Amino acid sequence: MHHAHQIARKHLQSAARRQKDLYDARVSQSTYQPGDLVWLIADSRKINVSPKLQNMYDGPYVVKRTISCLNYLIQLDPYGKEKLVHHNKLKKYAGENPPRWTIKASKVAVLESRIIKEH
């Protein structure tokens, strides 16, 4: 019984290693700088509305700060409301006409990041 347990454990470890390698090969990590405009994946869904008709992303929002290589602080509205999100929930904004408040907030975020780097 002990021998069978060791064999099963060995196979599970090799399967876990193989799955991790496959996941790491497929995952793409986007990096964002302060001032970048991003979409945030919509977590909540509306009741009695088909998912096909709902927006997949909310925003655009402004990246205020990089907390770590995976987490970002984004500004949600013109009044400064912020949210900490993982990079998997973000997508780069590629539109041509962002809301006015995002342009101003983007410039402020860039200036704040420069001030922080200087100190």
N, C-alpha and C. Protein backbone atom coordinates (compact mmCIF):
# COMPACT_ATOMS: atom_id res chain seq x y z
N MET A 1 0.82 -1.19 0.00
CA MET A 1 0.00 0.00 0.00
C MET A 1 0.87 1.27 0.00
N HIS A 2 1.93 1.23 0.80
CA HIS A 2 2.83 2.38 0.87
C HIS A 2 3.50 2.62 -0.49
N HIS A 3 3.89 1.56 -1.16
CA HIS A 3 4.53 1.67 -2.47
C HIS A 3 3.57 2.27 -3.50
N ALA A 4 2.32 1.85 -3.49
CA ALA A 4 1.31 2.38 -4.41
C ALA A 4 1.10 3.88 -4.16
N HIS A 5 1.11 4.28 -2.89
CA HIS A 5 0.95 5.69 -2.54
C HIS A 5 2.12 6.52 -3.09
N GLN A 6 3.33 5.99 -2.98
CA GLN A 6 4.50 6.71 -3.49
C GLN A 6 4.44 6.87 -5.01
N ILE A 7 4.01 5.83 -5.70
CA ILE A 7 3.90 5.89 -7.16
C ILE A 7 2.83 6.93 -7.57
N ALA A 8 1.69 6.90 -6.89
CA ALA A 8 0.62 7.85 -7.20
C ALA A 8 1.09 9.28 -6.95
N ARG A 9 1.82 9.49 -5.87
CA ARG A 9 2.33 10.82 -5.54
C ARG A 9 3.31 11.31 -6.61
N LYS A 10 4.17 10.41 -7.07
CA LYS A 10 5.15 10.76 -8.10
C LYS A 10 4.44 11.18 -9.40
N HIS A 11 3.41 10.43 -9.78
CA HIS A 11 2.66 10.76 -10.99
C HIS A 11 1.89 12.08 -10.84
N LEU A 12 1.33 12.31 -9.68
CA LEU A 12 0.62 13.58 -9.43
C LEU A 12 1.57 14.77 -9.51
N GLN A 13 2.77 14.62 -8.98
CA GLN A 13 3.75 15.70 -9.03
C GLN A 13 4.17 16.00 -10.46
N SER A 14 4.38 14.96 -11.26
CA SER A 14 4.79 15.19 -12.65
C SER A 14 3.62 15.80 -13.45
N ALA A 15 2.38 15.40 -13.16
CA ALA A 15 1.22 15.99 -13.84
C ALA A 15 1.07 17.46 -13.47
N ALA A 16 1.27 17.78 -12.18
CA ALA A 16 1.17 19.17 -11.73
C ALA A 16 2.24 20.03 -12.39
N ARG A 17 3.45 19.50 -12.50
CA ARG A 17 4.54 20.23 -13.14
C ARG A 17 4.22 20.48 -14.62
N ARG A 18 3.70 19.46 -15.30
CA ARG A 18 3.36 19.58 -16.71
C ARG A 18 2.24 20.61 -16.92
N GLN A 19 1.21 20.58 -16.06
CA GLN A 19 0.11 21.54 -16.16
C GLN A 19 0.60 22.96 -15.91
N LYS A 20 1.52 23.13 -14.95
CA LYS A 20 2.06 24.46 -14.67
C LYS A 20 2.84 24.98 -15.88
N ASP A 21 3.63 24.13 -16.49
CA ASP A 21 4.40 24.54 -17.67
C ASP A 21 3.48 24.95 -18.81
N LEU A 22 2.41 24.19 -19.04
CA LEU A 22 1.46 24.53 -20.09
C LEU A 22 0.74 25.85 -19.80
N TYR A 23 0.36 26.05 -18.53
CA TYR A 23 -0.30 27.30 -18.15
C TYR A 23 0.65 28.48 -18.34
N ASP A 24 1.87 28.34 -17.88
CA ASP A 24 2.85 29.43 -17.98
C ASP A 24 3.14 29.78 -19.44
N ALA A 25 3.08 28.78 -20.33
CA ALA A 25 3.34 29.03 -21.74
C ALA A 25 2.20 29.82 -22.38
N ARG A 26 0.97 29.61 -21.91
CA ARG A 26 -0.19 30.27 -22.51
C ARG A 26 -0.51 31.63 -21.91
N VAL A 27 -0.15 31.86 -20.66
CA VAL A 27 -0.54 33.09 -19.98
C VAL A 27 0.24 34.27 -20.56
N SER A 28 -0.45 35.38 -20.71
CA SER A 28 0.22 36.59 -21.16
C SER A 28 0.06 37.65 -20.08
N GLN A 29 1.14 38.25 -19.71
CA GLN A 29 1.11 39.26 -18.67
C GLN A 29 1.33 40.63 -19.30
N SER A 30 0.33 41.46 -19.20
CA SER A 30 0.44 42.82 -19.70
C SER A 30 0.96 43.71 -18.59
N THR A 31 1.79 44.66 -18.97
CA THR A 31 2.26 45.63 -17.98
C THR A 31 1.67 46.98 -18.34
N TYR A 32 1.31 47.71 -17.32
CA TYR A 32 0.69 49.02 -17.50
C TYR A 32 1.50 50.05 -16.73
N GLN A 33 1.55 51.24 -17.26
CA GLN A 33 2.26 52.35 -16.63
C GLN A 33 1.24 53.33 -16.06
N PRO A 34 1.61 54.10 -15.04
CA PRO A 34 0.70 55.13 -14.54
C PRO A 34 0.28 56.06 -15.67
N GLY A 35 -1.02 56.31 -15.75
CA GLY A 35 -1.55 57.16 -16.81
C GLY A 35 -2.17 56.38 -17.95
N ASP A 36 -1.91 55.07 -18.03
CA ASP A 36 -2.51 54.25 -19.08
C ASP A 36 -4.01 54.11 -18.87
N LEU A 37 -4.74 54.07 -19.96
CA LEU A 37 -6.18 53.83 -19.90
C LEU A 37 -6.44 52.35 -20.10
N VAL A 38 -7.32 51.79 -19.25
CA VAL A 38 -7.59 50.36 -19.28
C VAL A 38 -9.08 50.09 -19.13
N TRP A 39 -9.50 48.94 -19.64
CA TRP A 39 -10.83 48.41 -19.40
C TRP A 39 -10.73 47.47 -18.20
N LEU A 40 -11.80 47.38 -17.42
CA LEU A 40 -11.88 46.46 -16.28
C LEU A 40 -12.98 45.45 -16.57
N ILE A 41 -12.66 44.16 -16.45
CA ILE A 41 -13.65 43.13 -16.75
C ILE A 41 -14.85 43.30 -15.81
N ALA A 42 -16.05 43.19 -16.35
CA ALA A 42 -17.28 43.37 -15.57
C ALA A 42 -17.55 42.10 -14.78
N ASP A 43 -17.46 42.19 -13.45
CA ASP A 43 -17.69 41.01 -12.60
C ASP A 43 -19.17 40.71 -12.42
N SER A 44 -19.97 41.74 -12.32
CA SER A 44 -21.39 41.51 -12.05
C SER A 44 -22.19 41.45 -13.35
N ARG A 45 -23.17 40.60 -13.34
CA ARG A 45 -24.05 40.44 -14.50
C ARG A 45 -25.46 40.86 -14.11
N LYS A 46 -26.18 41.40 -15.07
CA LYS A 46 -27.55 41.83 -14.84
C LYS A 46 -28.48 40.63 -14.94
N ILE A 47 -29.47 40.59 -14.07
CA ILE A 47 -30.44 39.51 -14.07
C ILE A 47 -31.43 39.71 -15.21
N ASN A 48 -31.84 38.61 -15.82
CA ASN A 48 -32.82 38.60 -16.91
C ASN A 48 -32.33 39.31 -18.18
N VAL A 49 -31.02 39.44 -18.34
CA VAL A 49 -30.46 39.99 -19.56
C VAL A 49 -29.43 38.98 -20.07
N SER A 50 -29.53 38.65 -21.33
CA SER A 50 -28.62 37.69 -21.93
C SER A 50 -27.17 38.17 -21.80
N PRO A 51 -26.24 37.26 -21.45
CA PRO A 51 -24.83 37.65 -21.36
C PRO A 51 -24.28 38.19 -22.69
N LYS A 52 -24.85 37.74 -23.80
CA LYS A 52 -24.40 38.23 -25.10
C LYS A 52 -24.66 39.71 -25.28
N LEU A 53 -25.68 40.23 -24.58
CA LEU A 53 -26.06 41.63 -24.73
C LEU A 53 -25.43 42.54 -23.68
N GLN A 54 -24.69 41.97 -22.75
CA GLN A 54 -24.08 42.77 -21.69
C GLN A 54 -22.65 43.13 -22.06
N ASN A 55 -22.19 44.25 -21.54
CA ASN A 55 -20.80 44.66 -21.75
C ASN A 55 -19.87 43.74 -20.96
N MET A 56 -18.82 43.29 -21.61
CA MET A 56 -17.85 42.43 -20.92
C MET A 56 -16.89 43.26 -20.06
N TYR A 57 -16.70 44.53 -20.44
CA TYR A 57 -15.76 45.38 -19.74
C TYR A 57 -16.42 46.69 -19.33
N ASP A 58 -15.94 47.26 -18.21
CA ASP A 58 -16.35 48.58 -17.74
C ASP A 58 -15.19 49.53 -17.96
N GLY A 59 -15.51 50.80 -18.08
CA GLY A 59 -14.44 51.78 -18.19
C GLY A 59 -14.61 52.68 -19.38
N PRO A 60 -13.57 53.33 -19.81
CA PRO A 60 -12.18 53.13 -19.43
C PRO A 60 -11.83 53.79 -18.10
N TYR A 61 -10.81 53.24 -17.47
CA TYR A 61 -10.31 53.76 -16.21
C TYR A 61 -8.83 54.10 -16.36
N VAL A 62 -8.27 54.77 -15.36
CA VAL A 62 -6.89 55.23 -15.42
C VAL A 62 -6.04 54.47 -14.41
N VAL A 63 -4.89 53.96 -14.86
CA VAL A 63 -3.94 53.32 -13.95
C VAL A 63 -3.24 54.43 -13.17
N LYS A 64 -3.38 54.39 -11.85
CA LYS A 64 -2.75 55.42 -11.02
C LYS A 64 -1.37 55.00 -10.55
N ARG A 65 -1.25 53.73 -10.16
CA ARG A 65 0.02 53.28 -9.58
C ARG A 65 0.19 51.78 -9.79
N THR A 66 1.44 51.36 -9.89
CA THR A 66 1.76 49.94 -9.93
C THR A 66 2.10 49.53 -8.51
N ILE A 67 1.31 48.61 -7.96
CA ILE A 67 1.55 48.14 -6.59
C ILE A 67 2.62 47.04 -6.61
N SER A 68 2.47 46.10 -7.52
CA SER A 68 3.47 45.05 -7.75
C SER A 68 3.45 44.75 -9.25
N CYS A 69 4.20 43.76 -9.67
CA CYS A 69 4.20 43.45 -11.11
C CYS A 69 2.87 42.86 -11.56
N LEU A 70 2.01 42.46 -10.62
CA LEU A 70 0.72 41.87 -10.96
C LEU A 70 -0.49 42.74 -10.58
N ASN A 71 -0.34 43.63 -9.61
CA ASN A 71 -1.46 44.42 -9.10
C ASN A 71 -1.32 45.90 -9.44
N TYR A 72 -2.46 46.49 -9.77
CA TYR A 72 -2.49 47.91 -10.16
C TYR A 72 -3.59 48.63 -9.41
N LEU A 73 -3.34 49.89 -9.10
CA LEU A 73 -4.35 50.76 -8.50
C LEU A 73 -4.94 51.60 -9.63
N ILE A 74 -6.26 51.50 -9.84
CA ILE A 74 -6.89 52.25 -10.92
C ILE A 74 -7.88 53.25 -10.36
N GLN A 75 -8.07 54.35 -11.07
CA GLN A 75 -9.04 55.38 -10.70
C GLN A 75 -10.32 55.10 -11.48
N LEU A 76 -11.45 55.01 -10.74
CA LEU A 76 -12.71 54.61 -11.34
C LEU A 76 -13.59 55.75 -11.82
N ASP A 77 -13.40 56.94 -11.26
CA ASP A 77 -14.27 58.06 -11.64
C ASP A 77 -13.52 59.38 -11.49
N PRO A 78 -14.12 60.47 -11.93
CA PRO A 78 -13.42 61.76 -11.86
C PRO A 78 -13.22 62.27 -10.43
N TYR A 79 -13.88 61.66 -9.46
CA TYR A 79 -13.78 62.13 -8.07
C TYR A 79 -12.66 61.45 -7.31
N GLY A 80 -11.94 60.53 -7.95
CA GLY A 80 -10.78 59.92 -7.32
C GLY A 80 -11.02 58.58 -6.67
N LYS A 81 -12.18 57.97 -6.86
CA LYS A 81 -12.43 56.65 -6.28
C LYS A 81 -11.46 55.66 -6.91
N GLU A 82 -10.81 54.85 -6.06
CA GLU A 82 -9.77 53.94 -6.53
C GLU A 82 -10.11 52.50 -6.21
N LYS A 83 -9.48 51.60 -6.96
CA LYS A 83 -9.69 50.17 -6.74
C LYS A 83 -8.39 49.44 -7.07
N LEU A 84 -8.03 48.47 -6.24
CA LEU A 84 -6.86 47.65 -6.46
C LEU A 84 -7.29 46.41 -7.24
N VAL A 85 -6.67 46.16 -8.40
CA VAL A 85 -7.08 45.04 -9.24
C VAL A 85 -5.86 44.27 -9.74
N HIS A 86 -6.09 43.00 -10.05
CA HIS A 86 -5.06 42.12 -10.61
C HIS A 86 -4.99 42.35 -12.11
N HIS A 87 -3.82 42.14 -12.69
CA HIS A 87 -3.63 42.42 -14.12
C HIS A 87 -4.53 41.56 -15.01
N ASN A 88 -4.97 40.40 -14.53
CA ASN A 88 -5.85 39.53 -15.32
C ASN A 88 -7.20 40.18 -15.58
N LYS A 89 -7.58 41.14 -14.76
CA LYS A 89 -8.88 41.79 -14.90
C LYS A 89 -8.82 43.04 -15.77
N LEU A 90 -7.65 43.37 -16.29
CA LEU A 90 -7.47 44.59 -17.08
C LEU A 90 -7.19 44.29 -18.55
N LYS A 91 -7.57 45.24 -19.38
CA LYS A 91 -7.29 45.17 -20.81
C LYS A 91 -6.97 46.58 -21.29
N LYS A 92 -5.95 46.71 -22.11
CA LYS A 92 -5.52 48.02 -22.60
C LYS A 92 -6.64 48.70 -23.40
N TYR A 93 -6.85 49.98 -23.15
CA TYR A 93 -7.86 50.77 -23.87
C TYR A 93 -7.24 51.23 -25.18
N ALA A 94 -7.95 50.98 -26.28
CA ALA A 94 -7.41 51.35 -27.59
C ALA A 94 -8.35 52.28 -28.34
N GLY A 95 -9.28 52.90 -27.63
CA GLY A 95 -10.23 53.80 -28.28
C GLY A 95 -9.61 55.12 -28.66
N GLU A 96 -10.33 55.86 -29.47
CA GLU A 96 -9.83 57.15 -29.94
C GLU A 96 -10.39 58.33 -29.14
N ASN A 97 -11.56 58.18 -28.53
CA ASN A 97 -12.21 59.28 -27.82
C ASN A 97 -12.49 58.91 -26.37
N PRO A 98 -11.47 58.93 -25.51
CA PRO A 98 -11.73 58.61 -24.10
C PRO A 98 -12.51 59.74 -23.42
N PRO A 99 -13.19 59.43 -22.33
CA PRO A 99 -13.88 60.49 -21.59
C PRO A 99 -12.90 61.57 -21.13
N ARG A 100 -13.38 62.80 -21.04
CA ARG A 100 -12.50 63.94 -20.69
C ARG A 100 -11.79 63.75 -19.36
N TRP A 101 -12.53 63.25 -18.37
CA TRP A 101 -11.92 63.13 -17.04
C TRP A 101 -10.73 62.17 -17.07
N THR A 102 -10.74 61.16 -17.95
CA THR A 102 -9.62 60.21 -17.99
C THR A 102 -8.35 60.86 -18.53
N ILE A 103 -8.50 61.80 -19.44
CA ILE A 103 -7.33 62.49 -19.99
C ILE A 103 -6.63 63.29 -18.90
N LYS A 104 -7.43 64.03 -18.13
CA LYS A 104 -6.88 64.84 -17.04
C LYS A 104 -6.28 63.93 -15.95
N ALA A 105 -7.01 62.88 -15.57
CA ALA A 105 -6.53 61.97 -14.53
C ALA A 105 -5.27 61.24 -14.98
N SER A 106 -5.16 60.97 -16.27
CA SER A 106 -3.98 60.30 -16.80
C SER A 106 -2.75 61.19 -16.64
N LYS A 107 -2.89 62.47 -16.95
CA LYS A 107 -1.77 63.41 -16.81
C LYS A 107 -1.35 63.53 -15.34
N VAL A 108 -2.33 63.58 -14.45
CA VAL A 108 -2.04 63.68 -13.01
C VAL A 108 -1.31 62.43 -12.53
N ALA A 109 -1.75 61.26 -12.98
CA ALA A 109 -1.11 60.01 -12.56
C ALA A 109 0.34 59.94 -13.02
N VAL A 110 0.61 60.41 -14.23
CA VAL A 110 1.98 60.42 -14.73
C VAL A 110 2.84 61.35 -13.89
N LEU A 111 2.33 62.53 -13.58
CA LEU A 111 3.09 63.48 -12.75
C LEU A 111 3.35 62.92 -11.36
N GLU A 112 2.34 62.30 -10.76
CA GLU A 112 2.51 61.71 -9.43
C GLU A 112 3.56 60.61 -9.45
N SER A 113 3.58 59.79 -10.50
CA SER A 113 4.57 58.70 -10.56
C SER A 113 5.98 59.27 -10.69
N ARG A 114 6.14 60.38 -11.41
CA ARG A 114 7.46 61.00 -11.53
C ARG A 114 7.93 61.56 -10.20
N ILE A 115 7.01 62.15 -9.45
CA ILE A 115 7.35 62.71 -8.14
C ILE A 115 7.78 61.59 -7.20
N ILE A 116 7.06 60.48 -7.23
CA ILE A 116 7.38 59.34 -6.35
C ILE A 116 8.74 58.77 -6.71
N LYS A 117 9.06 58.67 -8.01
CA LYS A 117 10.36 58.13 -8.44
C LYS A 117 11.51 59.02 -8.02
N GLU A 118 11.29 60.34 -7.99
CA GLU A 118 12.35 61.28 -7.63
C GLU A 118 12.71 61.18 -6.16
N HIS A 119 11.75 60.80 -5.32
CA HIS A 119 12.02 60.73 -3.89
C HIS A 119 12.45 59.38 -3.53
